[in-house]
Amino acid sequence: MKSQVSPSAFQQALAGGQPVITAEISPPRGGSVQHVLTTADRLRGRVHALNVTDGSRAVMGMSSMAVCRLLLERNLEPVLQMGCRDRNRIALQADLLGAHALGLRNVLCLTGDPVKAGDQPGARPVFDYEAVRLLRDVKNLNRGLDALAQPLPDGPTALFPGCAADPQLPSWNGLKRRLKRKKEAGARFIQTQMVTDLAALRRFCRELAAPLALPVLAGVFLLKSGKNARFINRMVPGASIPDAAIARLDAARTPRAEGLRMAAEQVAAALEIAQGVHIMAIKAESSIPQILDLAGVPPLAPAIVGSVVPRSLAAEPR
């Protein structure tokens, strides 16, 4: 049995082969959401969806699910990140059901960054699941079954799962095997880590993603200075910003402006290779429209920025 919920604008754009733009939003490290909502509003009409991080780099922040629901209420389409580091399988299944009930459809299933990468290294990691197991649970829930293969009393969920991948991993065979497992587990799209090697991205899309019929959103990171780039290389798992890019930032009279130009160049180049891009501009999300302008990416058509609130929830009392 399948859910009859209509696909969202993000899902339709992916299925239709359109160039897709997403942007990353970090939940606040406090109880107020005003800043994050103001930032999200500035991206209205420029991105298909806003990807809300879930304890990225093992740094505490507000619940991704709460921010996603608030975005949905503002008619902005969210992608809920869900990592396995902080929850066991019971909590993960509970959150997936809760996300569906709240009208959230897009879920990026992640294993999660190690606790030692964050600001609370004394925290106890869970890792009861990893990304493939989480994807399988989403697939089961969408078939109307729980993790024990028991029927859900209210029918199937309507979640749209995606996965992450790093095209620059040194083990190509390992990357190929894991991506195949994610596809078999139910992944419907790929969001990559930051990619600076376009040849690696091209090979990844052509040899791995295309045979699996998985659309790729290539990760583009806004670098603010050479110092910022070196910090990212040191602190972000898997990051590998080349020395040439760092030298370009160091030599720039205005490093921030140079970073914007570099990000725009990467967006334009990635859109020639992958179906879309995922822009990460930590604490500078308001710069994303400028990056898109520099890259020659026009605002979205009005039809794409129509209502994203599921019909079953649109009439709910507030």
C-alpha atoms as a PDB file:
ATOM      1  CA  MET A   1       0.000   0.000   0.000  1.00  0.00           C
ATOM      2  CA  LYS A   2       1.320   3.451  -0.944  1.00  0.00           C
ATOM      3  CA  SER A   3       0.517   6.887   0.399  1.00  0.00           C
ATOM      4  CA  GLN A   4      -1.604   9.107  -1.844  1.00  0.00           C
ATOM      5  CA  VAL A   5       0.088  12.366  -0.766  1.00  0.00           C
ATOM      6  CA  SER A   6       1.058  14.510  -3.759  1.00  0.00           C
ATOM      7  CA  PRO A   7       4.791  15.073  -4.300  1.00  0.00           C
ATOM      8  CA  SER A   8       6.208  18.379  -3.116  1.00  0.00           C
ATOM      9  CA  ALA A   9       7.729  21.042  -5.370  1.00  0.00           C
ATOM     10  CA  PHE A  10      11.219  19.821  -4.414  1.00  0.00           C
ATOM     11  CA  GLN A  11      10.322  16.245  -5.289  1.00  0.00           C
ATOM     12  CA  GLN A  12       8.698  17.275  -8.566  1.00  0.00           C
ATOM     13  CA  ALA A  13      11.750  19.308  -9.581  1.00  0.00           C
ATOM     14  CA  LEU A  14      14.045  16.356  -8.922  1.00  0.00           C
ATOM     15  CA  ALA A  15      11.764  13.936 -10.774  1.00  0.00           C
ATOM     16  CA  GLY A  16      11.414  16.343 -13.702  1.00  0.00           C
ATOM     17  CA  GLY A  17      15.145  16.721 -14.196  1.00  0.00           C
ATOM     18  CA  GLN A  18      15.101  20.449 -13.424  1.00  0.00           C
ATOM     19  CA  PRO A  19      18.178  22.165 -11.973  1.00  0.00           C
ATOM     20  CA  VAL A  20      17.554  22.059  -8.229  1.00  0.00           C
ATOM     21  CA  ILE A  21      18.961  24.478  -5.645  1.00  0.00           C
ATOM     22  CA  THR A  22      18.947  23.794  -1.915  1.00  0.00           C
ATOM     23  CA  ALA A  23      20.555  25.706   0.932  1.00  0.00           C
ATOM     24  CA  GLU A  24      21.638  24.699   4.400  1.00  0.00           C
ATOM     25  CA  ILE A  25      20.133  26.325   7.487  1.00  0.00           C
ATOM     26  CA  SER A  26      21.562  25.807  10.972  1.00  0.00           C
ATOM     27  CA  PRO A  27      19.110  25.786  13.910  1.00  0.00           C
ATOM     28  CA  PRO A  28      19.819  28.367  16.593  1.00  0.00           C
ATOM     29  CA  ARG A  29      21.844  27.622  19.672  1.00  0.00           C
ATOM     30  CA  GLY A  30      19.081  29.038  21.827  1.00  0.00           C
ATOM     31  CA  GLY A  31      15.318  29.251  22.195  1.00  0.00           C
ATOM     32  CA  SER A  32      14.589  32.035  19.701  1.00  0.00           C
ATOM     33  CA  VAL A  33      13.972  31.233  16.030  1.00  0.00           C
ATOM     34  CA  GLN A  34      13.550  34.798  14.784  1.00  0.00           C
ATOM     35  CA  HIS A  35      16.967  35.052  13.168  1.00  0.00           C
ATOM     36  CA  VAL A  36      16.771  31.702  11.382  1.00  0.00           C
ATOM     37  CA  LEU A  37      13.271  32.478  10.075  1.00  0.00           C
ATOM     38  CA  THR A  38      14.352  35.909   8.854  1.00  0.00           C
ATOM     39  CA  THR A  39      17.298  34.295   7.086  1.00  0.00           C
ATOM     40  CA  ALA A  40      15.019  31.679   5.524  1.00  0.00           C
ATOM     41  CA  ASP A  41      12.636  34.358   4.263  1.00  0.00           C
ATOM     42  CA  ARG A  42      15.531  36.008   2.397  1.00  0.00           C
ATOM     43  CA  LEU A  43      16.000  32.782   0.439  1.00  0.00           C
ATOM     44  CA  ARG A  44      12.359  32.582  -0.617  1.00  0.00           C
ATOM     45  CA  GLY A  45      12.081  32.204  -4.364  1.00  0.00           C
ATOM     46  CA  ARG A  46      15.780  31.376  -4.795  1.00  0.00           C
ATOM     47  CA  VAL A  47      15.953  27.792  -3.521  1.00  0.00           C
ATOM     48  CA  HIS A  48      13.692  24.778  -3.893  1.00  0.00           C
ATOM     49  CA  ALA A  49      14.199  23.634  -0.310  1.00  0.00           C
ATOM     50  CA  LEU A  50      15.977  24.526   2.926  1.00  0.00           C
ATOM     51  CA  ASN A  51      17.999  21.759   4.519  1.00  0.00           C
ATOM     52  CA  VAL A  52      17.970  22.027   8.322  1.00  0.00           C
ATOM     53  CA  THR A  53      20.983  20.479  10.022  1.00  0.00           C
ATOM     54  CA  ASP A  54      20.727  18.018  12.912  1.00  0.00           C
ATOM     55  CA  GLY A  55      23.560  18.609  15.355  1.00  0.00           C
ATOM     56  CA  SER A  56      26.088  19.111  12.540  1.00  0.00           C
ATOM     57  CA  ARG A  57      29.718  18.701  13.668  1.00  0.00           C
ATOM     58  CA  ALA A  58      28.306  17.415  16.974  1.00  0.00           C
ATOM     59  CA  VAL A  59      27.470  20.951  18.056  1.00  0.00           C
ATOM     60  CA  MET A  60      24.229  21.418  20.007  1.00  0.00           C
ATOM     61  CA  GLY A  61      21.389  23.357  18.396  1.00  0.00           C
ATOM     62  CA  MET A  62      17.617  23.515  18.399  1.00  0.00           C
ATOM     63  CA  SER A  63      15.671  20.523  17.113  1.00  0.00           C
ATOM     64  CA  SER A  64      15.821  20.262  13.334  1.00  0.00           C
ATOM     65  CA  MET A  65      12.252  18.997  13.300  1.00  0.00           C
ATOM     66  CA  ALA A  66      10.954  22.056  15.155  1.00  0.00           C
ATOM     67  CA  VAL A  67      12.671  24.444  12.735  1.00  0.00           C
ATOM     68  CA  CYS A  68      11.420  22.441   9.743  1.00  0.00           C
ATOM     69  CA  ARG A  69       7.824  22.669  10.908  1.00  0.00           C
ATOM     70  CA  LEU A  70       8.155  26.429  11.436  1.00  0.00           C
ATOM     71  CA  LEU A  71       9.540  26.781   7.909  1.00  0.00           C
ATOM     72  CA  LEU A  72       6.649  24.752   6.545  1.00  0.00           C
ATOM     73  CA  GLU A  73       4.187  27.068   8.280  1.00  0.00           C
ATOM     74  CA  ARG A  74       5.861  29.962   6.429  1.00  0.00           C
ATOM     75  CA  ASN A  75       5.328  28.141   3.129  1.00  0.00           C
ATOM     76  CA  LEU A  76       9.010  27.270   2.780  1.00  0.00           C
ATOM     77  CA  GLU A  77       9.865  23.684   1.916  1.00  0.00           C
ATOM     78  CA  PRO A  78      12.250  22.028   4.380  1.00  0.00           C
ATOM     79  CA  VAL A  79      14.532  19.014   4.213  1.00  0.00           C
ATOM     80  CA  LEU A  80      14.802  17.414   7.632  1.00  0.00           C
ATOM     81  CA  GLN A  81      18.246  16.108   8.444  1.00  0.00           C
ATOM     82  CA  MET A  82      18.182  13.109  10.747  1.00  0.00           C
ATOM     83  CA  GLY A  83      21.382  11.660  12.171  1.00  0.00           C
ATOM     84  CA  CYS A  84      21.893   8.419  14.060  1.00  0.00           C
ATOM     85  CA  ARG A  85      24.485   9.642  16.554  1.00  0.00           C
ATOM     86  CA  ASP A  86      22.126  10.856  19.272  1.00  0.00           C
ATOM     87  CA  ARG A  87      19.140   8.476  19.099  1.00  0.00           C
ATOM     88  CA  ASN A  88      18.536   4.759  19.276  1.00  0.00           C
ATOM     89  CA  ARG A  89      16.276   2.958  16.801  1.00  0.00           C
ATOM     90  CA  ILE A  90      13.167   3.524  18.934  1.00  0.00           C
ATOM     91  CA  ALA A  91      13.695   7.289  19.030  1.00  0.00           C
ATOM     92  CA  LEU A  92      14.552   7.439  15.311  1.00  0.00           C
ATOM     93  CA  GLN A  93      11.347   5.631  14.353  1.00  0.00           C
ATOM     94  CA  ALA A  94       9.362   7.869  16.689  1.00  0.00           C
ATOM     95  CA  ASP A  95      10.836  10.978  15.078  1.00  0.00           C
ATOM     96  CA  LEU A  96      10.133   9.686  11.564  1.00  0.00           C
ATOM     97  CA  LEU A  97       6.503   9.156  12.468  1.00  0.00           C
ATOM     98  CA  GLY A  98       6.392  12.557  14.118  1.00  0.00           C
ATOM     99  CA  ALA A  99       7.901  14.202  11.033  1.00  0.00           C
ATOM    100  CA  HIS A 100       5.212  12.639   8.850  1.00  0.00           C
ATOM    101  CA  ALA A 101       2.466  13.765  11.231  1.00  0.00           C
ATOM    102  CA  LEU A 102       3.838  17.327  11.137  1.00  0.00           C
ATOM    103  CA  GLY A 103       3.688  17.392   7.351  1.00  0.00           C
ATOM    104  CA  LEU A 104       7.435  17.058   6.799  1.00  0.00           C
ATOM    105  CA  ARG A 105       8.213  14.930   3.776  1.00  0.00           C
ATOM    106  CA  ASN A 106      11.880  15.298   2.806  1.00  0.00           C
ATOM    107  CA  VAL A 107      14.351  13.482   5.083  1.00  0.00           C
ATOM    108  CA  LEU A 108      18.120  13.355   4.646  1.00  0.00           C
ATOM    109  CA  CYS A 109      19.270  10.200   6.418  1.00  0.00           C
ATOM    110  CA  LEU A 110      22.738  10.517   7.952  1.00  0.00           C
ATOM    111  CA  THR A 111      24.965   8.489  10.221  1.00  0.00           C
ATOM    112  CA  GLY A 112      26.152  11.660  11.974  1.00  0.00           C
ATOM    113  CA  ASP A 113      29.469  13.290  12.827  1.00  0.00           C
ATOM    114  CA  PRO A 114      31.507  11.799  15.699  1.00  0.00           C
ATOM    115  CA  VAL A 115      31.034  13.389  19.111  1.00  0.00           C
ATOM    116  CA  LYS A 116      34.751  14.153  19.399  1.00  0.00           C
ATOM    117  CA  ALA A 117      34.353  16.636  16.508  1.00  0.00           C
ATOM    118  CA  GLY A 118      32.028  18.834  18.545  1.00  0.00           C
ATOM    119  CA  ASP A 119      31.929  21.122  21.549  1.00  0.00           C
ATOM    120  CA  GLN A 120      30.766  18.493  24.059  1.00  0.00           C
ATOM    121  CA  PRO A 121      33.221  15.602  23.637  1.00  0.00           C
ATOM    122  CA  GLY A 122      32.063  14.069  26.913  1.00  0.00           C
ATOM    123  CA  ALA A 123      28.648  13.278  25.435  1.00  0.00           C
ATOM    124  CA  ARG A 124      27.848   9.599  24.942  1.00  0.00           C
ATOM    125  CA  PRO A 125      27.200   8.674  21.279  1.00  0.00           C
ATOM    126  CA  VAL A 126      24.499   6.139  20.389  1.00  0.00           C
ATOM    127  CA  PHE A 127      24.977   4.990  16.781  1.00  0.00           C
ATOM    128  CA  ASP A 128      22.428   2.203  17.249  1.00  0.00           C
ATOM    129  CA  TYR A 129      21.767   2.701  13.533  1.00  0.00           C
ATOM    130  CA  GLU A 130      23.763   4.128  10.658  1.00  0.00           C
ATOM    131  CA  ALA A 131      22.423   5.770   7.501  1.00  0.00           C
ATOM    132  CA  VAL A 132      21.583   2.568   5.591  1.00  0.00           C
ATOM    133  CA  ARG A 133      19.561   1.132   8.480  1.00  0.00           C
ATOM    134  CA  LEU A 134      17.734   4.439   8.866  1.00  0.00           C
ATOM    135  CA  LEU A 135      16.891   4.485   5.152  1.00  0.00           C
ATOM    136  CA  ARG A 136      15.492   0.961   5.467  1.00  0.00           C
ATOM    137  CA  ASP A 137      13.217   2.086   8.284  1.00  0.00           C
ATOM    138  CA  VAL A 138      11.909   4.961   6.145  1.00  0.00           C
ATOM    139  CA  LYS A 139      11.282   2.510   3.318  1.00  0.00           C
ATOM    140  CA  ASN A 140       9.371   0.203   5.662  1.00  0.00           C
ATOM    141  CA  LEU A 141       7.291   3.039   7.119  1.00  0.00           C
ATOM    142  CA  ASN A 142       6.395   4.130   3.589  1.00  0.00           C
ATOM    143  CA  ARG A 143       5.152   0.581   2.981  1.00  0.00           C
ATOM    144  CA  GLY A 144       3.025   0.748   6.104  1.00  0.00           C
ATOM    145  CA  LEU A 145       5.298  -1.412   8.264  1.00  0.00           C
ATOM    146  CA  ASP A 146       7.292  -0.730  11.405  1.00  0.00           C
ATOM    147  CA  ALA A 147      10.834  -2.010  12.006  1.00  0.00           C
ATOM    148  CA  LEU A 148       9.401  -5.346  13.217  1.00  0.00           C
ATOM    149  CA  ALA A 149       7.433  -5.733   9.963  1.00  0.00           C
ATOM    150  CA  GLN A 150       4.171  -5.120  11.841  1.00  0.00           C
ATOM    151  CA  PRO A 151       1.492  -3.058  10.023  1.00  0.00           C
ATOM    152  CA  LEU A 152       1.104   0.569  11.044  1.00  0.00           C
ATOM    153  CA  PRO A 153      -2.500   1.046  12.233  1.00  0.00           C
ATOM    154  CA  ASP A 154      -2.977   4.285  10.261  1.00  0.00           C
ATOM    155  CA  GLY A 155      -1.376   3.209   7.008  1.00  0.00           C
ATOM    156  CA  PRO A 156       1.937   4.180   5.384  1.00  0.00           C
ATOM    157  CA  THR A 157       3.939   7.352   5.762  1.00  0.00           C
ATOM    158  CA  ALA A 158       4.874   9.590   2.830  1.00  0.00           C
ATOM    159  CA  LEU A 159       8.511  10.382   3.512  1.00  0.00           C
ATOM    160  CA  PHE A 160      10.984  11.202   0.722  1.00  0.00           C
ATOM    161  CA  PRO A 161      14.415   9.951   1.825  1.00  0.00           C
ATOM    162  CA  GLY A 162      17.790  11.132   0.625  1.00  0.00           C
ATOM    163  CA  CYS A 163      21.341  10.193   1.502  1.00  0.00           C
ATOM    164  CA  ALA A 164      24.750  11.826   1.692  1.00  0.00           C
ATOM    165  CA  ALA A 165      27.923  10.860  -0.141  1.00  0.00           C
ATOM    166  CA  ASP A 166      31.465  12.146  -0.588  1.00  0.00           C
ATOM    167  CA  PRO A 167      32.626  11.936  -4.233  1.00  0.00           C
ATOM    168  CA  GLN A 168      36.196  12.641  -3.106  1.00  0.00           C
ATOM    169  CA  LEU A 169      36.551   9.555  -0.897  1.00  0.00           C
ATOM    170  CA  PRO A 170      39.855   7.798  -1.648  1.00  0.00           C
ATOM    171  CA  SER A 171      38.199   4.345  -1.674  1.00  0.00           C
ATOM    172  CA  TRP A 172      36.189   4.333  -4.905  1.00  0.00           C
ATOM    173  CA  ASN A 173      35.060   0.716  -4.520  1.00  0.00           C
ATOM    174  CA  GLY A 174      33.960   1.368  -0.959  1.00  0.00           C
ATOM    175  CA  LEU A 175      32.002   4.434  -2.079  1.00  0.00           C
ATOM    176  CA  LYS A 176      30.367   2.421  -4.867  1.00  0.00           C
ATOM    177  CA  ARG A 177      29.318  -0.397  -2.524  1.00  0.00           C
ATOM    178  CA  ARG A 178      27.893   1.943   0.110  1.00  0.00           C
ATOM    179  CA  LEU A 179      25.988   4.054  -2.405  1.00  0.00           C
ATOM    180  CA  LYS A 180      24.443   0.907  -3.890  1.00  0.00           C
ATOM    181  CA  ARG A 181      23.356  -0.167  -0.408  1.00  0.00           C
ATOM    182  CA  LYS A 182      21.769   3.248   0.185  1.00  0.00           C
ATOM    183  CA  LYS A 183      19.874   3.013  -3.092  1.00  0.00           C
ATOM    184  CA  GLU A 184      18.627  -0.479  -2.233  1.00  0.00           C
ATOM    185  CA  ALA A 185      17.592   0.798   1.206  1.00  0.00           C
ATOM    186  CA  GLY A 186      15.361   3.410  -0.413  1.00  0.00           C
ATOM    187  CA  ALA A 187      17.395   6.590  -1.051  1.00  0.00           C
ATOM    188  CA  ARG A 188      15.781   8.829  -3.682  1.00  0.00           C
ATOM    189  CA  PHE A 189      18.412  11.545  -4.013  1.00  0.00           C
ATOM    190  CA  ILE A 190      22.013  12.276  -3.052  1.00  0.00           C
ATOM    191  CA  GLN A 191      23.364  15.354  -1.333  1.00  0.00           C
ATOM    192  CA  THR A 192      27.143  15.410  -1.469  1.00  0.00           C
ATOM    193  CA  GLN A 193      29.649  16.725   0.974  1.00  0.00           C
ATOM    194  CA  MET A 194      31.574  19.830  -0.087  1.00  0.00           C
ATOM    195  CA  VAL A 195      33.149  19.070  -3.485  1.00  0.00           C
ATOM    196  CA  THR A 196      36.190  20.974  -4.708  1.00  0.00           C
ATOM    197  CA  ASP A 197      37.401  18.400  -7.260  1.00  0.00           C
ATOM    198  CA  LEU A 198      35.106  18.728 -10.280  1.00  0.00           C
ATOM    199  CA  ALA A 199      36.701  15.738 -11.990  1.00  0.00           C
ATOM    200  CA  ALA A 200      35.772  13.599  -8.980  1.00  0.00           C
ATOM    201  CA  LEU A 201      32.215  14.969  -9.074  1.00  0.00           C
ATOM    202  CA  ARG A 202      31.923  14.217 -12.800  1.00  0.00           C
ATOM    203  CA  ARG A 203      33.114  10.648 -12.330  1.00  0.00           C
ATOM    204  CA  PHE A 204      30.821  10.173  -9.332  1.00  0.00           C
ATOM    205  CA  CYS A 205      27.749  11.366 -11.244  1.00  0.00           C
ATOM    206  CA  ARG A 206      28.572   9.418 -14.397  1.00  0.00           C
ATOM    207  CA  GLU A 207      29.798   6.121 -12.966  1.00  0.00           C
ATOM    208  CA  LEU A 208      27.964   5.776  -9.645  1.00  0.00           C
ATOM    209  CA  ALA A 209      24.864   7.964  -9.383  1.00  0.00           C
ATOM    210  CA  ALA A 210      23.584   7.773 -12.970  1.00  0.00           C
ATOM    211  CA  PRO A 211      23.457   3.931 -13.143  1.00  0.00           C
ATOM    212  CA  LEU A 212      21.457   4.000  -9.899  1.00  0.00           C
ATOM    213  CA  ALA A 213      19.124   6.728 -11.251  1.00  0.00           C
ATOM    214  CA  LEU A 214      19.858   8.929  -8.244  1.00  0.00           C
ATOM    215  CA  PRO A 215      19.828  12.707  -8.805  1.00  0.00           C
ATOM    216  CA  VAL A 216      22.819  14.489  -7.268  1.00  0.00           C
ATOM    217  CA  LEU A 217      22.919  17.795  -5.408  1.00  0.00           C
ATOM    218  CA  ALA A 218      26.586  18.812  -5.344  1.00  0.00           C
ATOM    219  CA  GLY A 219      27.797  20.448  -2.140  1.00  0.00           C
ATOM    220  CA  VAL A 220      29.192  23.990  -2.501  1.00  0.00           C
ATOM    221  CA  PHE A 221      30.721  25.682   0.525  1.00  0.00           C
ATOM    222  CA  LEU A 222      31.156  29.446   0.954  1.00  0.00           C
ATOM    223  CA  LEU A 223      34.669  30.167   2.199  1.00  0.00           C
ATOM    224  CA  LYS A 224      35.188  33.545   3.864  1.00  0.00           C
ATOM    225  CA  SER A 225      38.996  33.652   4.066  1.00  0.00           C
ATOM    226  CA  GLY A 226      42.092  31.499   3.951  1.00  0.00           C
ATOM    227  CA  LYS A 227      41.930  31.208   7.721  1.00  0.00           C
ATOM    228  CA  ASN A 228      38.332  29.999   7.474  1.00  0.00           C
ATOM    229  CA  ALA A 229      39.331  27.421   4.850  1.00  0.00           C
ATOM    230  CA  ARG A 230      42.140  26.076   7.011  1.00  0.00           C
ATOM    231  CA  PHE A 231      39.721  25.836   9.960  1.00  0.00           C
ATOM    232  CA  ILE A 232      37.254  23.867   7.808  1.00  0.00           C
ATOM    233  CA  ASN A 233      39.990  21.463   6.726  1.00  0.00           C
ATOM    234  CA  ARG A 234      40.980  20.947  10.348  1.00  0.00           C
ATOM    235  CA  MET A 235      37.549  20.693  11.959  1.00  0.00           C
ATOM    236  CA  VAL A 236      35.052  19.347   9.410  1.00  0.00           C
ATOM    237  CA  PRO A 237      35.203  15.573   8.852  1.00  0.00           C
ATOM    238  CA  GLY A 238      35.998  14.777   5.227  1.00  0.00           C
ATOM    239  CA  ALA A 239      36.781  18.369   4.180  1.00  0.00           C
ATOM    240  CA  SER A 240      39.674  18.748   1.746  1.00  0.00           C
ATOM    241  CA  ILE A 241      39.975  22.313   0.449  1.00  0.00           C
ATOM    242  CA  PRO A 242      42.953  22.448  -1.934  1.00  0.00           C
ATOM    243  CA  ASP A 243      45.971  24.627  -1.265  1.00  0.00           C
ATOM    244  CA  ALA A 244      45.342  26.598  -4.478  1.00  0.00           C
ATOM    245  CA  ALA A 245      41.921  27.719  -3.237  1.00  0.00           C
ATOM    246  CA  ILE A 246      43.368  28.750   0.127  1.00  0.00           C
ATOM    247  CA  ALA A 247      46.172  30.665  -1.587  1.00  0.00           C
ATOM    248  CA  ARG A 248      43.616  32.482  -3.757  1.00  0.00           C
ATOM    249  CA  LEU A 249      41.744  33.605  -0.650  1.00  0.00           C
ATOM    250  CA  ASP A 250      44.951  34.630   1.112  1.00  0.00           C
ATOM    251  CA  ALA A 251      46.007  36.749  -1.879  1.00  0.00           C
ATOM    252  CA  ALA A 252      42.649  38.490  -2.299  1.00  0.00           C
ATOM    253  CA  ARG A 253      42.318  42.141  -1.311  1.00  0.00           C
ATOM    254  CA  THR A 254      38.795  41.352  -0.072  1.00  0.00           C
ATOM    255  CA  PRO A 255      38.722  37.658   0.904  1.00  0.00           C
ATOM    256  CA  ARG A 256      34.976  37.600   1.576  1.00  0.00           C
ATOM    257  CA  ALA A 257      34.166  38.918  -1.904  1.00  0.00           C
ATOM    258  CA  GLU A 258      36.637  36.449  -3.397  1.00  0.00           C
ATOM    259  CA  GLY A 259      34.899  33.651  -1.496  1.00  0.00           C
ATOM    260  CA  LEU A 260      31.579  34.673  -3.017  1.00  0.00           C
ATOM    261  CA  ARG A 261      33.100  34.579  -6.514  1.00  0.00           C
ATOM    262  CA  MET A 262      34.655  31.179  -5.847  1.00  0.00           C
ATOM    263  CA  ALA A 263      31.335  29.775  -4.604  1.00  0.00           C
ATOM    264  CA  ALA A 264      29.537  31.170  -7.666  1.00  0.00           C
ATOM    265  CA  GLU A 265      32.118  29.575  -9.961  1.00  0.00           C
ATOM    266  CA  GLN A 266      31.601  26.253  -8.211  1.00  0.00           C
ATOM    267  CA  VAL A 267      27.796  26.534  -8.479  1.00  0.00           C
ATOM    268  CA  ALA A 268      27.962  27.251 -12.220  1.00  0.00           C
ATOM    269  CA  ALA A 269      30.430  24.419 -12.825  1.00  0.00           C
ATOM    270  CA  ALA A 270      28.557  21.906 -10.674  1.00  0.00           C
ATOM    271  CA  LEU A 271      25.274  22.599 -12.467  1.00  0.00           C
ATOM    272  CA  GLU A 272      26.981  21.502 -15.700  1.00  0.00           C
ATOM    273  CA  ILE A 273      27.713  18.137 -14.080  1.00  0.00           C
ATOM    274  CA  ALA A 274      25.057  17.364 -11.445  1.00  0.00           C
ATOM    275  CA  GLN A 275      21.312  17.984 -11.420  1.00  0.00           C
ATOM    276  CA  GLY A 276      21.582  20.519  -8.630  1.00  0.00           C
ATOM    277  CA  VAL A 277      23.648  22.139  -5.927  1.00  0.00           C
ATOM    278  CA  HIS A 278      23.426  22.300  -2.164  1.00  0.00           C
ATOM    279  CA  ILE A 279      24.899  25.571  -0.871  1.00  0.00           C
ATOM    280  CA  MET A 280      26.435  25.711   2.590  1.00  0.00           C
ATOM    281  CA  ALA A 281      27.120  29.257   3.801  1.00  0.00           C
ATOM    282  CA  ILE A 282      27.436  28.919   7.555  1.00  0.00           C
ATOM    283  CA  LYS A 283      26.474  32.160   9.342  1.00  0.00           C
ATOM    284  CA  ALA A 284      26.314  33.867   5.930  1.00  0.00           C
ATOM    285  CA  GLU A 285      23.141  32.376   4.459  1.00  0.00           C
ATOM    286  CA  SER A 286      21.958  35.843   3.421  1.00  0.00           C
ATOM    287  CA  SER A 287      24.792  35.806   0.848  1.00  0.00           C
ATOM    288  CA  ILE A 288      23.282  32.866  -1.047  1.00  0.00           C
ATOM    289  CA  PRO A 289      21.148  35.020  -3.406  1.00  0.00           C
ATOM    290  CA  GLN A 290      24.298  36.964  -4.330  1.00  0.00           C
ATOM    291  CA  ILE A 291      26.143  33.701  -5.043  1.00  0.00           C
ATOM    292  CA  LEU A 292      23.294  32.562  -7.287  1.00  0.00           C
ATOM    293  CA  ASP A 293      23.237  35.916  -9.086  1.00  0.00           C
ATOM    294  CA  LEU A 294      26.986  35.746  -9.720  1.00  0.00           C
ATOM    295  CA  ALA A 295      26.551  32.184 -11.001  1.00  0.00           C
ATOM    296  CA  GLY A 296      23.818  33.288 -13.407  1.00  0.00           C
ATOM    297  CA  VAL A 297      21.094  31.267 -11.672  1.00  0.00           C
ATOM    298  CA  PRO A 298      17.763  33.109 -11.978  1.00  0.00           C
ATOM    299  CA  PRO A 299      15.012  33.207  -9.324  1.00  0.00           C
ATOM    300  CA  LEU A 300      12.605  30.291  -9.348  1.00  0.00           C
ATOM    301  CA  ALA A 301       9.503  30.415 -11.476  1.00  0.00           C
ATOM    302  CA  PRO A 302       6.378  31.489  -9.515  1.00  0.00           C
ATOM    303  CA  ALA A 303       4.800  28.049  -9.876  1.00  0.00           C
ATOM    304  CA  ILE A 304       7.707  26.503  -7.974  1.00  0.00           C
ATOM    305  CA  VAL A 305       7.265  28.769  -4.977  1.00  0.00           C
ATOM    306  CA  GLY A 306       3.592  27.979  -4.492  1.00  0.00           C
ATOM    307  CA  SER A 307       2.109  26.340  -1.406  1.00  0.00           C
ATOM    308  CA  VAL A 308       4.191  23.529   0.085  1.00  0.00           C
ATOM    309  CA  VAL A 309       1.959  22.812   3.081  1.00  0.00           C
ATOM    310  CA  PRO A 310       0.314  19.371   2.617  1.00  0.00           C
ATOM    311  CA  ARG A 311      -3.411  19.673   1.990  1.00  0.00           C
ATOM    312  CA  SER A 312      -4.132  17.437   4.966  1.00  0.00           C
ATOM    313  CA  LEU A 313      -2.462  20.002   7.239  1.00  0.00           C
ATOM    314  CA  ALA A 314      -3.317  23.288   5.534  1.00  0.00           C
ATOM    315  CA  ALA A 315      -6.698  23.527   7.235  1.00  0.00           C
ATOM    316  CA  GLU A 316      -5.476  22.613  10.716  1.00  0.00           C
ATOM    317  CA  PRO A 317      -6.190  25.211  13.413  1.00  0.00           C
ATOM    318  CA  ARG A 318      -3.134  27.191  14.481  1.00  0.00           C
END
